[in-house]
N, C-alpha and C. Protein backbone atom coordinates (compact mmCIF):
# COMPACT_ATOMS: atom_id res chain seq x y z
N LEU A 1 62.47 -67.57 -34.72
CA LEU A 1 63.35 -66.44 -34.44
C LEU A 1 64.70 -66.97 -33.95
N TYR A 2 65.75 -66.46 -34.55
CA TYR A 2 67.10 -66.92 -34.23
C TYR A 2 67.43 -66.72 -32.75
N GLY A 3 67.18 -65.50 -32.24
CA GLY A 3 67.52 -65.20 -30.85
C GLY A 3 66.76 -66.06 -29.87
N ALA A 4 65.46 -66.22 -30.14
CA ALA A 4 64.62 -67.03 -29.25
C ALA A 4 65.09 -68.48 -29.24
N THR A 5 65.44 -68.99 -30.43
CA THR A 5 65.92 -70.37 -30.52
C THR A 5 67.19 -70.56 -29.70
N LEU A 6 68.10 -69.59 -29.80
CA LEU A 6 69.35 -69.66 -29.05
C LEU A 6 69.08 -69.70 -27.55
N LEU A 7 68.15 -68.88 -27.08
CA LEU A 7 67.82 -68.85 -25.65
C LEU A 7 67.17 -70.16 -25.21
N GLU A 8 66.31 -70.69 -26.06
CA GLU A 8 65.62 -71.93 -25.71
C GLU A 8 66.60 -73.10 -25.57
N GLN A 9 67.72 -73.01 -26.28
CA GLN A 9 68.71 -74.09 -26.22
C GLN A 9 69.55 -74.02 -24.94
N ASP A 10 69.47 -72.93 -24.23
CA ASP A 10 70.24 -72.77 -22.99
C ASP A 10 69.36 -73.17 -21.81
N ALA A 11 69.58 -74.37 -21.30
CA ALA A 11 68.72 -74.90 -20.24
C ALA A 11 68.79 -74.07 -18.97
N THR A 12 69.98 -73.53 -18.67
CA THR A 12 70.13 -72.71 -17.45
C THR A 12 69.36 -71.41 -17.58
N TYR A 13 69.37 -70.83 -18.80
CA TYR A 13 68.59 -69.61 -19.05
C TYR A 13 67.10 -69.89 -18.81
N THR A 14 66.62 -70.98 -19.39
CA THR A 14 65.20 -71.33 -19.24
C THR A 14 64.82 -71.52 -17.78
N LYS A 15 65.65 -72.28 -17.05
CA LYS A 15 65.38 -72.52 -15.63
C LYS A 15 65.45 -71.22 -14.83
N SER A 16 66.43 -70.37 -15.17
CA SER A 16 66.59 -69.10 -14.46
C SER A 16 65.37 -68.22 -14.64
N PHE A 17 64.87 -68.14 -15.89
CA PHE A 17 63.71 -67.28 -16.11
C PHE A 17 62.43 -67.87 -15.53
N GLN A 18 62.36 -69.19 -15.42
CA GLN A 18 61.21 -69.79 -14.73
C GLN A 18 61.18 -69.33 -13.27
N THR A 19 62.35 -69.28 -12.65
CA THR A 19 62.46 -68.81 -11.26
C THR A 19 62.08 -67.34 -11.18
N ILE A 20 62.62 -66.53 -12.09
CA ILE A 20 62.36 -65.08 -12.09
C ILE A 20 60.88 -64.80 -12.33
N ASP A 21 60.30 -65.47 -13.33
CA ASP A 21 58.87 -65.27 -13.62
C ASP A 21 58.00 -65.58 -12.41
N LYS A 22 58.32 -66.68 -11.75
CA LYS A 22 57.53 -67.12 -10.58
C LYS A 22 57.66 -66.11 -9.44
N CYS A 23 58.88 -65.68 -9.14
CA CYS A 23 59.09 -64.71 -8.05
C CYS A 23 58.47 -63.37 -8.38
N ALA A 24 58.58 -62.95 -9.65
CA ALA A 24 58.01 -61.67 -10.07
C ALA A 24 56.49 -61.68 -9.91
N ALA A 25 55.86 -62.75 -10.35
CA ALA A 25 54.40 -62.84 -10.25
C ALA A 25 53.93 -62.82 -8.80
N ALA A 26 54.67 -63.53 -7.94
CA ALA A 26 54.27 -63.62 -6.53
C ALA A 26 54.70 -62.40 -5.72
N GLY A 27 55.72 -61.69 -6.21
CA GLY A 27 56.27 -60.57 -5.46
C GLY A 27 57.04 -61.03 -4.23
N VAL A 28 57.53 -62.27 -4.29
CA VAL A 28 58.25 -62.85 -3.16
C VAL A 28 59.56 -63.45 -3.67
N PRO A 29 60.72 -63.03 -3.14
CA PRO A 29 61.99 -63.60 -3.59
C PRO A 29 62.16 -65.02 -3.07
N SER A 30 62.90 -65.84 -3.82
CA SER A 30 63.22 -67.19 -3.36
C SER A 30 64.73 -67.29 -3.17
N ASP A 31 65.17 -68.40 -2.61
CA ASP A 31 66.60 -68.61 -2.39
C ASP A 31 67.36 -68.68 -3.72
N GLU A 32 66.67 -69.06 -4.79
CA GLU A 32 67.33 -69.23 -6.08
C GLU A 32 67.33 -67.96 -6.92
N LEU A 33 66.59 -66.93 -6.50
CA LEU A 33 66.39 -65.77 -7.36
C LEU A 33 67.68 -65.03 -7.69
N TYR A 34 68.50 -64.77 -6.69
CA TYR A 34 69.72 -63.98 -6.93
C TYR A 34 70.61 -64.67 -7.96
N ASP A 35 70.80 -65.97 -7.82
CA ASP A 35 71.66 -66.70 -8.76
C ASP A 35 71.04 -66.76 -10.15
N ALA A 36 69.73 -66.81 -10.22
CA ALA A 36 69.05 -66.83 -11.52
C ALA A 36 69.29 -65.53 -12.27
N VAL A 37 69.12 -64.41 -11.56
CA VAL A 37 69.36 -63.10 -12.18
C VAL A 37 70.83 -62.94 -12.54
N ARG A 38 71.70 -63.38 -11.65
CA ARG A 38 73.14 -63.24 -11.89
C ARG A 38 73.57 -64.03 -13.12
N TYR A 39 72.98 -65.21 -13.33
CA TYR A 39 73.34 -66.00 -14.51
C TYR A 39 73.04 -65.21 -15.79
N ILE A 40 71.85 -64.65 -15.87
CA ILE A 40 71.46 -63.91 -17.07
C ILE A 40 72.31 -62.65 -17.23
N ASP A 41 72.56 -61.97 -16.14
CA ASP A 41 73.35 -60.74 -16.17
C ASP A 41 74.78 -61.02 -16.64
N ARG A 42 75.40 -62.04 -16.07
CA ARG A 42 76.81 -62.33 -16.38
C ARG A 42 77.01 -62.99 -17.73
N ASN A 43 75.98 -63.59 -18.27
CA ASN A 43 76.10 -64.27 -19.56
C ASN A 43 75.41 -63.53 -20.70
N ALA A 44 75.18 -62.22 -20.48
CA ALA A 44 74.45 -61.44 -21.47
C ALA A 44 75.10 -61.48 -22.85
N SER A 45 76.43 -61.42 -22.91
CA SER A 45 77.11 -61.40 -24.21
C SER A 45 76.90 -62.71 -24.97
N LYS A 46 76.72 -63.81 -24.23
CA LYS A 46 76.46 -65.11 -24.86
C LYS A 46 74.97 -65.26 -25.21
N LEU A 47 74.11 -64.77 -24.32
CA LEU A 47 72.67 -64.91 -24.53
C LEU A 47 72.15 -63.98 -25.62
N TYR A 48 72.77 -62.80 -25.72
CA TYR A 48 72.38 -61.83 -26.75
C TYR A 48 73.64 -61.50 -27.56
N PRO A 49 74.04 -62.40 -28.47
CA PRO A 49 75.34 -62.27 -29.13
C PRO A 49 75.41 -61.20 -30.21
N ASP A 50 74.25 -60.72 -30.67
CA ASP A 50 74.27 -59.72 -31.74
C ASP A 50 73.12 -58.74 -31.54
N GLU A 51 73.07 -57.73 -32.40
CA GLU A 51 72.06 -56.68 -32.24
C GLU A 51 70.65 -57.22 -32.47
N ALA A 52 70.51 -58.22 -33.33
CA ALA A 52 69.17 -58.80 -33.57
C ALA A 52 68.62 -59.45 -32.31
N ALA A 53 69.47 -60.18 -31.60
CA ALA A 53 69.04 -60.84 -30.36
C ALA A 53 68.72 -59.79 -29.29
N LYS A 54 69.52 -58.73 -29.22
CA LYS A 54 69.27 -57.66 -28.25
C LYS A 54 67.97 -56.93 -28.58
N GLU A 55 67.71 -56.74 -29.87
CA GLU A 55 66.48 -56.07 -30.30
C GLU A 55 65.25 -56.90 -29.93
N GLU A 56 65.34 -58.21 -30.10
CA GLU A 56 64.22 -59.08 -29.71
C GLU A 56 63.97 -59.00 -28.21
N MET A 57 65.05 -59.00 -27.44
CA MET A 57 64.92 -58.89 -25.98
C MET A 57 64.27 -57.55 -25.61
N TRP A 58 64.66 -56.49 -26.30
CA TRP A 58 64.09 -55.15 -26.07
C TRP A 58 62.61 -55.12 -26.43
N LYS A 59 62.23 -55.73 -27.54
CA LYS A 59 60.81 -55.73 -27.94
C LYS A 59 59.95 -56.47 -26.92
N ARG A 60 60.53 -57.50 -26.28
CA ARG A 60 59.77 -58.21 -25.24
C ARG A 60 59.53 -57.31 -24.02
N ALA A 61 60.32 -56.24 -23.91
CA ALA A 61 60.16 -55.33 -22.76
C ALA A 61 59.00 -54.36 -22.96
N TYR A 62 58.43 -54.30 -24.17
CA TYR A 62 57.28 -53.43 -24.39
C TYR A 62 56.09 -53.94 -23.56
N GLY A 63 55.39 -53.02 -22.94
CA GLY A 63 54.20 -53.40 -22.18
C GLY A 63 54.06 -52.60 -20.91
N SER A 64 53.15 -53.04 -20.05
CA SER A 64 52.90 -52.41 -18.76
C SER A 64 53.35 -53.36 -17.66
N TRP A 65 54.09 -52.83 -16.69
CA TRP A 65 54.76 -53.67 -15.71
C TRP A 65 54.56 -53.16 -14.29
N LYS A 66 54.42 -54.07 -13.34
CA LYS A 66 54.35 -53.71 -11.92
C LYS A 66 55.68 -54.06 -11.26
N LEU A 67 56.27 -53.07 -10.59
CA LEU A 67 57.54 -53.31 -9.90
C LEU A 67 57.27 -54.18 -8.68
N GLN A 68 57.96 -55.32 -8.61
CA GLN A 68 57.71 -56.28 -7.54
C GLN A 68 58.87 -56.46 -6.59
N LEU A 69 60.10 -56.50 -7.12
CA LEU A 69 61.28 -56.84 -6.32
C LEU A 69 62.43 -55.92 -6.70
N ALA A 70 63.27 -55.58 -5.72
CA ALA A 70 64.42 -54.72 -6.01
C ALA A 70 65.51 -54.95 -4.99
N THR A 71 66.74 -54.70 -5.42
CA THR A 71 67.88 -54.69 -4.50
C THR A 71 68.30 -53.24 -4.31
N GLY A 72 69.06 -52.98 -3.26
CA GLY A 72 69.69 -51.69 -3.11
C GLY A 72 70.95 -51.67 -3.97
N PRO A 73 71.68 -50.53 -3.99
CA PRO A 73 72.95 -50.50 -4.69
C PRO A 73 73.92 -51.51 -4.08
N PRO A 74 74.83 -52.08 -4.88
CA PRO A 74 75.80 -53.05 -4.35
C PRO A 74 76.60 -52.43 -3.21
N ALA A 75 76.77 -53.18 -2.14
CA ALA A 75 77.46 -52.66 -0.95
C ALA A 75 78.86 -53.28 -0.84
N GLY A 76 79.87 -52.48 -1.12
CA GLY A 76 81.26 -52.92 -0.93
C GLY A 76 81.61 -54.20 -1.64
N GLY A 77 81.05 -54.37 -2.84
CA GLY A 77 81.37 -55.58 -3.60
C GLY A 77 80.56 -56.78 -3.20
N GLY A 78 79.80 -56.68 -2.10
CA GLY A 78 79.00 -57.82 -1.67
C GLY A 78 77.68 -57.86 -2.40
N THR A 79 76.86 -58.85 -2.07
CA THR A 79 75.56 -58.96 -2.69
C THR A 79 74.50 -58.35 -1.79
N THR A 80 73.48 -57.80 -2.42
CA THR A 80 72.34 -57.28 -1.65
C THR A 80 71.11 -58.09 -2.05
N PRO A 81 70.33 -58.53 -1.09
CA PRO A 81 69.20 -59.41 -1.41
C PRO A 81 68.05 -58.65 -2.09
N PHE A 82 67.25 -59.38 -2.82
CA PHE A 82 66.02 -58.82 -3.38
C PHE A 82 64.99 -58.69 -2.27
N LYS A 83 64.28 -57.58 -2.28
CA LYS A 83 63.22 -57.36 -1.31
C LYS A 83 61.95 -56.97 -2.04
N ALA A 84 60.82 -57.30 -1.45
CA ALA A 84 59.54 -56.94 -2.05
C ALA A 84 59.34 -55.43 -2.00
N VAL A 85 58.73 -54.89 -3.05
CA VAL A 85 58.43 -53.46 -3.10
C VAL A 85 57.04 -53.27 -2.50
N PRO A 86 56.92 -52.49 -1.42
CA PRO A 86 55.67 -52.45 -0.67
C PRO A 86 54.58 -51.52 -1.21
N ILE A 87 54.86 -50.83 -2.32
CA ILE A 87 53.85 -49.93 -2.90
C ILE A 87 53.54 -50.36 -4.32
N PHE A 88 52.47 -49.81 -4.88
CA PHE A 88 52.19 -50.08 -6.29
C PHE A 88 52.98 -49.08 -7.12
N ALA A 89 54.00 -49.56 -7.79
CA ALA A 89 54.81 -48.75 -8.69
C ALA A 89 54.84 -49.45 -10.04
N TYR A 90 54.74 -48.69 -11.10
CA TYR A 90 54.65 -49.32 -12.42
C TYR A 90 55.70 -48.73 -13.36
N ALA A 91 55.93 -49.44 -14.46
CA ALA A 91 56.70 -48.93 -15.58
C ALA A 91 55.94 -49.28 -16.85
N MET A 92 56.10 -48.45 -17.88
CA MET A 92 55.44 -48.69 -19.16
C MET A 92 56.45 -48.39 -20.26
N ILE A 93 56.57 -49.31 -21.20
CA ILE A 93 57.43 -49.10 -22.36
C ILE A 93 56.61 -49.38 -23.61
N ASP A 94 56.60 -48.42 -24.54
CA ASP A 94 56.02 -48.70 -25.85
C ASP A 94 57.03 -48.29 -26.92
N GLU A 95 56.60 -48.20 -28.16
CA GLU A 95 57.55 -47.93 -29.24
C GLU A 95 58.30 -46.61 -29.07
N ASN A 96 57.67 -45.64 -28.42
CA ASN A 96 58.26 -44.31 -28.34
C ASN A 96 58.63 -43.84 -26.94
N ASN A 97 57.88 -44.28 -25.94
CA ASN A 97 58.00 -43.67 -24.62
C ASN A 97 58.27 -44.67 -23.49
N PHE A 98 58.84 -44.11 -22.42
CA PHE A 98 58.94 -44.81 -21.14
C PHE A 98 58.14 -44.00 -20.13
N GLY A 99 57.36 -44.69 -19.33
CA GLY A 99 56.63 -44.01 -18.27
C GLY A 99 56.76 -44.78 -16.97
N ASN A 100 56.67 -44.08 -15.86
CA ASN A 100 56.61 -44.76 -14.57
C ASN A 100 55.88 -43.89 -13.58
N GLY A 101 55.51 -44.51 -12.47
CA GLY A 101 54.76 -43.77 -11.48
C GLY A 101 54.29 -44.67 -10.35
N VAL A 102 53.45 -44.10 -9.49
CA VAL A 102 52.94 -44.83 -8.33
C VAL A 102 51.43 -44.63 -8.23
N GLY A 103 50.78 -45.58 -7.58
CA GLY A 103 49.35 -45.48 -7.41
C GLY A 103 48.84 -46.41 -6.33
N LEU A 104 47.53 -46.50 -6.22
CA LEU A 104 46.91 -47.42 -5.26
C LEU A 104 46.86 -48.82 -5.85
N ASN A 105 46.62 -48.89 -7.15
CA ASN A 105 46.56 -50.16 -7.90
C ASN A 105 46.63 -49.80 -9.38
N GLN A 106 46.46 -50.79 -10.26
CA GLN A 106 46.63 -50.50 -11.69
C GLN A 106 45.49 -49.66 -12.27
N ASP A 107 44.42 -49.46 -11.52
CA ASP A 107 43.31 -48.64 -11.99
C ASP A 107 43.33 -47.22 -11.43
N THR A 108 44.07 -47.01 -10.34
CA THR A 108 44.13 -45.68 -9.71
C THR A 108 45.59 -45.27 -9.57
N ILE A 109 46.08 -44.50 -10.54
CA ILE A 109 47.46 -44.06 -10.56
C ILE A 109 47.52 -42.62 -10.06
N ILE A 110 48.34 -42.38 -9.06
CA ILE A 110 48.40 -41.06 -8.43
C ILE A 110 49.35 -40.13 -9.18
N LEU A 111 50.59 -40.55 -9.33
CA LEU A 111 51.62 -39.71 -9.95
C LEU A 111 52.29 -40.48 -11.08
N SER A 112 52.41 -39.85 -12.24
CA SER A 112 53.02 -40.50 -13.39
C SER A 112 53.97 -39.55 -14.10
N LEU A 113 55.03 -40.13 -14.65
CA LEU A 113 55.96 -39.40 -15.52
C LEU A 113 55.96 -40.09 -16.88
N LEU A 114 56.19 -39.31 -17.93
CA LEU A 114 56.19 -39.87 -19.28
C LEU A 114 57.15 -39.09 -20.17
N GLY A 115 57.89 -39.82 -20.99
CA GLY A 115 58.79 -39.15 -21.92
C GLY A 115 59.42 -40.14 -22.87
N PRO A 116 60.15 -39.64 -23.87
CA PRO A 116 60.76 -40.54 -24.86
C PRO A 116 61.89 -41.37 -24.27
N HIS A 117 62.04 -42.59 -24.77
CA HIS A 117 63.20 -43.39 -24.39
C HIS A 117 64.22 -43.37 -25.53
N TYR A 118 65.47 -43.57 -25.17
CA TYR A 118 66.57 -43.58 -26.13
C TYR A 118 67.32 -44.89 -25.90
N PHE A 119 66.98 -45.91 -26.69
CA PHE A 119 67.56 -47.23 -26.45
C PHE A 119 68.81 -47.44 -27.29
N ASN A 120 69.92 -47.73 -26.61
CA ASN A 120 71.17 -48.08 -27.26
C ASN A 120 71.22 -49.61 -27.33
N THR A 121 70.93 -50.16 -28.50
CA THR A 121 70.81 -51.62 -28.65
C THR A 121 72.11 -52.32 -28.27
N LYS A 122 73.23 -51.78 -28.74
CA LYS A 122 74.52 -52.44 -28.50
C LYS A 122 74.79 -52.61 -27.01
N ARG A 123 74.51 -51.57 -26.23
CA ARG A 123 74.81 -51.60 -24.80
C ARG A 123 73.61 -52.04 -23.95
N ARG A 124 72.44 -52.22 -24.58
CA ARG A 124 71.20 -52.58 -23.88
C ARG A 124 70.81 -51.52 -22.84
N VAL A 125 71.14 -50.27 -23.12
CA VAL A 125 70.86 -49.18 -22.18
C VAL A 125 69.71 -48.32 -22.71
N MET A 126 68.71 -48.11 -21.85
CA MET A 126 67.58 -47.24 -22.18
C MET A 126 67.72 -45.92 -21.43
N GLY A 127 68.05 -44.87 -22.16
CA GLY A 127 68.03 -43.53 -21.57
C GLY A 127 66.59 -43.04 -21.49
N ILE A 128 66.30 -42.25 -20.46
CA ILE A 128 64.92 -41.83 -20.19
C ILE A 128 64.82 -40.31 -20.19
N GLY A 129 63.97 -39.80 -21.05
CA GLY A 129 63.63 -38.37 -21.03
C GLY A 129 62.30 -38.19 -20.34
N ILE A 130 62.15 -37.12 -19.58
CA ILE A 130 60.88 -36.84 -18.90
C ILE A 130 60.26 -35.60 -19.53
N GLU A 131 59.17 -35.80 -20.25
CA GLU A 131 58.50 -34.69 -20.93
C GLU A 131 57.31 -34.16 -20.14
N ASP A 132 56.59 -35.07 -19.47
CA ASP A 132 55.34 -34.66 -18.83
C ASP A 132 55.12 -35.35 -17.49
N MET A 133 54.40 -34.63 -16.61
CA MET A 133 53.99 -35.17 -15.32
C MET A 133 52.46 -35.18 -15.26
N PHE A 134 51.92 -36.24 -14.64
CA PHE A 134 50.47 -36.39 -14.53
C PHE A 134 50.10 -36.67 -13.08
N LEU A 135 48.98 -36.10 -12.63
CA LEU A 135 48.37 -36.43 -11.34
C LEU A 135 46.99 -36.98 -11.61
N PHE A 136 46.74 -38.21 -11.15
CA PHE A 136 45.46 -38.87 -11.39
C PHE A 136 45.05 -38.79 -12.86
N SER A 137 46.00 -39.08 -13.74
CA SER A 137 45.86 -39.17 -15.20
C SER A 137 45.65 -37.81 -15.88
N ASN A 138 45.76 -36.72 -15.13
CA ASN A 138 45.65 -35.38 -15.71
C ASN A 138 47.03 -34.75 -15.84
N LYS A 139 47.34 -34.24 -17.04
CA LYS A 139 48.64 -33.64 -17.28
C LYS A 139 48.78 -32.34 -16.47
N VAL A 140 49.87 -32.24 -15.70
CA VAL A 140 50.09 -31.06 -14.85
C VAL A 140 51.46 -30.43 -15.13
N THR A 141 52.06 -30.81 -16.24
CA THR A 141 53.42 -30.35 -16.56
C THR A 141 53.55 -28.84 -16.45
N GLN A 142 52.57 -28.12 -16.98
CA GLN A 142 52.67 -26.66 -17.04
C GLN A 142 52.57 -26.01 -15.65
N PHE A 143 52.12 -26.79 -14.65
CA PHE A 143 51.97 -26.23 -13.30
C PHE A 143 53.14 -26.58 -12.37
N VAL A 144 54.10 -27.36 -12.87
CA VAL A 144 55.22 -27.79 -12.02
C VAL A 144 56.18 -26.61 -11.81
N PRO A 145 56.49 -26.25 -10.56
CA PRO A 145 57.42 -25.15 -10.31
C PRO A 145 58.79 -25.41 -10.96
N THR A 146 59.46 -24.35 -11.36
CA THR A 146 60.73 -24.48 -12.08
C THR A 146 61.77 -25.25 -11.27
N PHE A 147 61.84 -24.99 -9.96
CA PHE A 147 62.89 -25.66 -9.17
C PHE A 147 62.67 -27.17 -9.13
N ILE A 148 61.42 -27.60 -9.23
CA ILE A 148 61.13 -29.03 -9.27
C ILE A 148 61.43 -29.59 -10.66
N SER A 149 60.96 -28.90 -11.70
CA SER A 149 61.18 -29.39 -13.06
C SER A 149 62.66 -29.43 -13.41
N ASP A 150 63.42 -28.45 -12.94
CA ASP A 150 64.86 -28.45 -13.19
C ASP A 150 65.53 -29.62 -12.49
N GLY A 151 65.11 -29.89 -11.25
CA GLY A 151 65.69 -30.99 -10.50
C GLY A 151 65.38 -32.35 -11.11
N MET A 152 64.20 -32.45 -11.75
CA MET A 152 63.79 -33.70 -12.41
C MET A 152 64.39 -33.86 -13.79
N GLY A 153 64.92 -32.78 -14.34
CA GLY A 153 65.40 -32.85 -15.72
C GLY A 153 64.26 -32.84 -16.72
N LEU A 154 63.14 -32.20 -16.34
CA LEU A 154 61.97 -32.14 -17.21
C LEU A 154 62.31 -31.46 -18.53
N LYS A 155 61.89 -32.08 -19.63
CA LYS A 155 62.09 -31.59 -21.00
C LYS A 155 63.53 -31.68 -21.49
N LYS A 156 64.43 -32.27 -20.70
CA LYS A 156 65.83 -32.36 -21.14
C LYS A 156 66.00 -33.46 -22.19
N LYS A 157 66.84 -33.17 -23.18
CA LYS A 157 67.20 -34.14 -24.22
C LYS A 157 68.58 -34.72 -23.89
N PRO A 158 68.98 -35.82 -24.56
CA PRO A 158 70.31 -36.39 -24.30
C PRO A 158 71.43 -35.38 -24.44
N SER A 159 71.30 -34.45 -25.38
CA SER A 159 72.36 -33.46 -25.61
C SER A 159 72.48 -32.45 -24.47
N ASP A 160 71.47 -32.41 -23.58
CA ASP A 160 71.51 -31.47 -22.45
C ASP A 160 72.31 -32.01 -21.27
N PHE A 161 72.73 -33.27 -21.37
CA PHE A 161 73.52 -33.89 -20.30
C PHE A 161 74.97 -34.01 -20.75
N SER A 162 75.89 -33.65 -19.87
CA SER A 162 77.31 -33.68 -20.23
C SER A 162 77.90 -35.09 -20.15
N GLY A 163 77.24 -35.97 -19.39
CA GLY A 163 77.76 -37.32 -19.21
C GLY A 163 78.66 -37.43 -17.99
N LYS A 164 79.04 -36.30 -17.42
CA LYS A 164 79.85 -36.32 -16.21
C LYS A 164 78.97 -36.61 -15.00
N LYS A 165 79.60 -36.98 -13.90
CA LYS A 165 78.84 -37.30 -12.69
C LYS A 165 77.98 -36.10 -12.30
N GLY A 166 76.72 -36.37 -12.03
CA GLY A 166 75.80 -35.30 -11.68
C GLY A 166 75.07 -34.73 -12.88
N SER A 167 75.53 -35.09 -14.11
CA SER A 167 74.86 -34.63 -15.32
C SER A 167 74.73 -35.79 -16.31
N ARG A 168 74.09 -36.86 -15.85
CA ARG A 168 73.85 -38.01 -16.70
C ARG A 168 72.36 -38.24 -16.85
N MET A 169 71.96 -38.56 -18.04
CA MET A 169 70.55 -38.86 -18.28
C MET A 169 70.16 -40.11 -17.48
N PRO A 170 69.00 -40.10 -16.82
CA PRO A 170 68.54 -41.31 -16.13
C PRO A 170 68.49 -42.47 -17.12
N ALA A 171 68.91 -43.65 -16.68
CA ALA A 171 68.97 -44.78 -17.61
C ALA A 171 68.84 -46.10 -16.87
N PHE A 172 68.38 -47.10 -17.59
CA PHE A 172 68.35 -48.48 -17.13
C PHE A 172 69.12 -49.34 -18.12
N THR A 173 69.86 -50.31 -17.61
CA THR A 173 70.42 -51.36 -18.46
C THR A 173 69.47 -52.55 -18.40
N ILE A 174 68.94 -52.94 -19.54
CA ILE A 174 68.00 -54.06 -19.57
C ILE A 174 68.78 -55.37 -19.48
N ILE A 175 68.55 -56.13 -18.43
CA ILE A 175 69.26 -57.40 -18.22
C ILE A 175 68.55 -58.54 -18.95
N GLY A 176 67.24 -58.55 -18.90
CA GLY A 176 66.50 -59.62 -19.56
C GLY A 176 65.01 -59.36 -19.53
N SER A 177 64.28 -60.06 -20.40
CA SER A 177 62.83 -59.91 -20.46
C SER A 177 62.21 -61.21 -20.94
N SER A 178 61.00 -61.44 -20.49
CA SER A 178 60.23 -62.59 -20.96
C SER A 178 58.80 -62.12 -21.17
N GLU A 179 57.92 -63.05 -21.48
CA GLU A 179 56.51 -62.69 -21.61
C GLU A 179 55.91 -62.29 -20.26
N LYS A 180 56.58 -62.67 -19.17
CA LYS A 180 56.01 -62.45 -17.84
C LYS A 180 56.78 -61.47 -16.97
N SER A 181 58.08 -61.29 -17.22
CA SER A 181 58.87 -60.44 -16.31
C SER A 181 59.96 -59.67 -17.04
N LEU A 182 60.42 -58.61 -16.37
CA LEU A 182 61.42 -57.70 -16.91
C LEU A 182 62.44 -57.42 -15.81
N ILE A 183 63.73 -57.45 -16.18
CA ILE A 183 64.81 -57.21 -15.21
C ILE A 183 65.68 -56.09 -15.75
N ALA A 184 66.01 -55.11 -14.91
CA ALA A 184 66.87 -54.02 -15.34
C ALA A 184 67.69 -53.50 -14.17
N ARG A 185 68.85 -52.92 -14.50
CA ARG A 185 69.72 -52.31 -13.50
C ARG A 185 69.65 -50.80 -13.64
N GLY A 186 69.46 -50.12 -12.52
CA GLY A 186 69.41 -48.67 -12.52
C GLY A 186 70.80 -48.06 -12.46
N GLY A 187 70.85 -46.73 -12.53
CA GLY A 187 72.13 -46.04 -12.55
C GLY A 187 72.96 -46.24 -11.30
N SER A 188 72.31 -46.52 -10.16
CA SER A 188 73.04 -46.70 -8.90
C SER A 188 73.57 -48.13 -8.75
N GLY A 189 73.16 -49.02 -9.66
CA GLY A 189 73.62 -50.41 -9.59
C GLY A 189 72.59 -51.37 -9.03
N GLY A 190 71.52 -50.84 -8.44
CA GLY A 190 70.46 -51.70 -7.94
C GLY A 190 69.70 -52.37 -9.09
N ILE A 191 69.16 -53.56 -8.83
CA ILE A 191 68.43 -54.32 -9.84
C ILE A 191 66.95 -54.38 -9.48
N ALA A 192 66.09 -54.19 -10.47
CA ALA A 192 64.65 -54.23 -10.27
C ALA A 192 64.03 -55.31 -11.14
N ILE A 193 62.97 -55.92 -10.63
CA ILE A 193 62.23 -56.94 -11.37
C ILE A 193 60.75 -56.55 -11.38
N TRP A 194 60.19 -56.51 -12.59
CA TRP A 194 58.78 -56.20 -12.76
C TRP A 194 58.03 -57.43 -13.25
N THR A 195 56.74 -57.51 -12.95
CA THR A 195 55.88 -58.54 -13.53
C THR A 195 54.91 -57.86 -14.50
N ARG A 196 54.61 -58.54 -15.60
CA ARG A 196 53.75 -57.93 -16.62
C ARG A 196 52.32 -57.81 -16.11
N LEU A 197 51.72 -56.64 -16.29
CA LEU A 197 50.33 -56.43 -15.92
C LEU A 197 49.41 -57.01 -16.99
N ASP A 198 48.22 -57.38 -16.60
CA ASP A 198 47.30 -57.99 -17.56
C ASP A 198 46.52 -56.95 -18.36
N LYS A 199 46.74 -55.66 -18.08
CA LYS A 199 46.05 -54.64 -18.86
C LYS A 199 46.98 -53.45 -19.09
N ASP A 200 46.69 -52.68 -20.12
CA ASP A 200 47.47 -51.51 -20.50
C ASP A 200 47.29 -50.43 -19.42
N ILE A 201 48.40 -49.96 -18.86
CA ILE A 201 48.34 -48.97 -17.77
C ILE A 201 48.08 -47.55 -18.29
N ARG A 202 48.25 -47.33 -19.60
CA ARG A 202 48.24 -45.96 -20.12
C ARG A 202 46.93 -45.20 -19.89
N PRO A 203 45.76 -45.81 -20.05
CA PRO A 203 44.54 -45.03 -19.76
C PRO A 203 44.48 -44.53 -18.32
N ALA A 204 44.84 -45.37 -17.35
CA ALA A 204 44.78 -44.97 -15.94
C ALA A 204 45.88 -43.96 -15.59
N ALA A 205 47.02 -44.06 -16.26
CA ALA A 205 48.17 -43.20 -15.92
C ALA A 205 48.15 -41.87 -16.67
N TYR A 206 47.72 -41.93 -17.94
CA TYR A 206 47.88 -40.75 -18.81
C TYR A 206 46.57 -40.27 -19.45
N GLY A 207 45.46 -40.95 -19.10
CA GLY A 207 44.17 -40.51 -19.62
C GLY A 207 43.99 -40.75 -21.10
N VAL A 208 44.77 -41.66 -21.69
CA VAL A 208 44.62 -41.96 -23.11
C VAL A 208 43.96 -43.32 -23.28
N GLU A 209 43.11 -43.40 -24.27
CA GLU A 209 42.41 -44.68 -24.52
C GLU A 209 43.14 -45.46 -25.60
């Protein structure tokens, strides 16, 4: 694969992702983690020079992931450190949907959201639609009060958002992905790192086999 070969030739990329993979798996940040993520983030145009390379990076993001580390929004231009996430929170990406939620562990998921993703390959931005809510893998969408569903943007499509502040579709910018970890920036500017789970989260989250 052209994109993979290009990445393998970049020694700093390889070393950076080794650091990220290790920290993601352990759920513990290291002194080198911030610089490792920053290298990949700042060199994205070189690391993913065309749509084919970006598409390969996006396909590596498919799977079930446990959120391990996150920063807050950038504070006054300064850096914010990565901190461990103290709860079990997951994300799931497949060919059609993005899902996320919280639980006790990967077998007992309490609250889940699921909906179509809208990936802009050129910008590496994944827009997120929320179609359904689940409690303990049971769909409860039809029971959600209107004031809650409206606040969540339940059932909204990209065309329902104006793009102005306060009316933007939830989105992540994918910074990088490997076989072991996933890095993305949220709308507020904070960065999250997930580690790949060893099993498909969808049965526990959505009751599908």
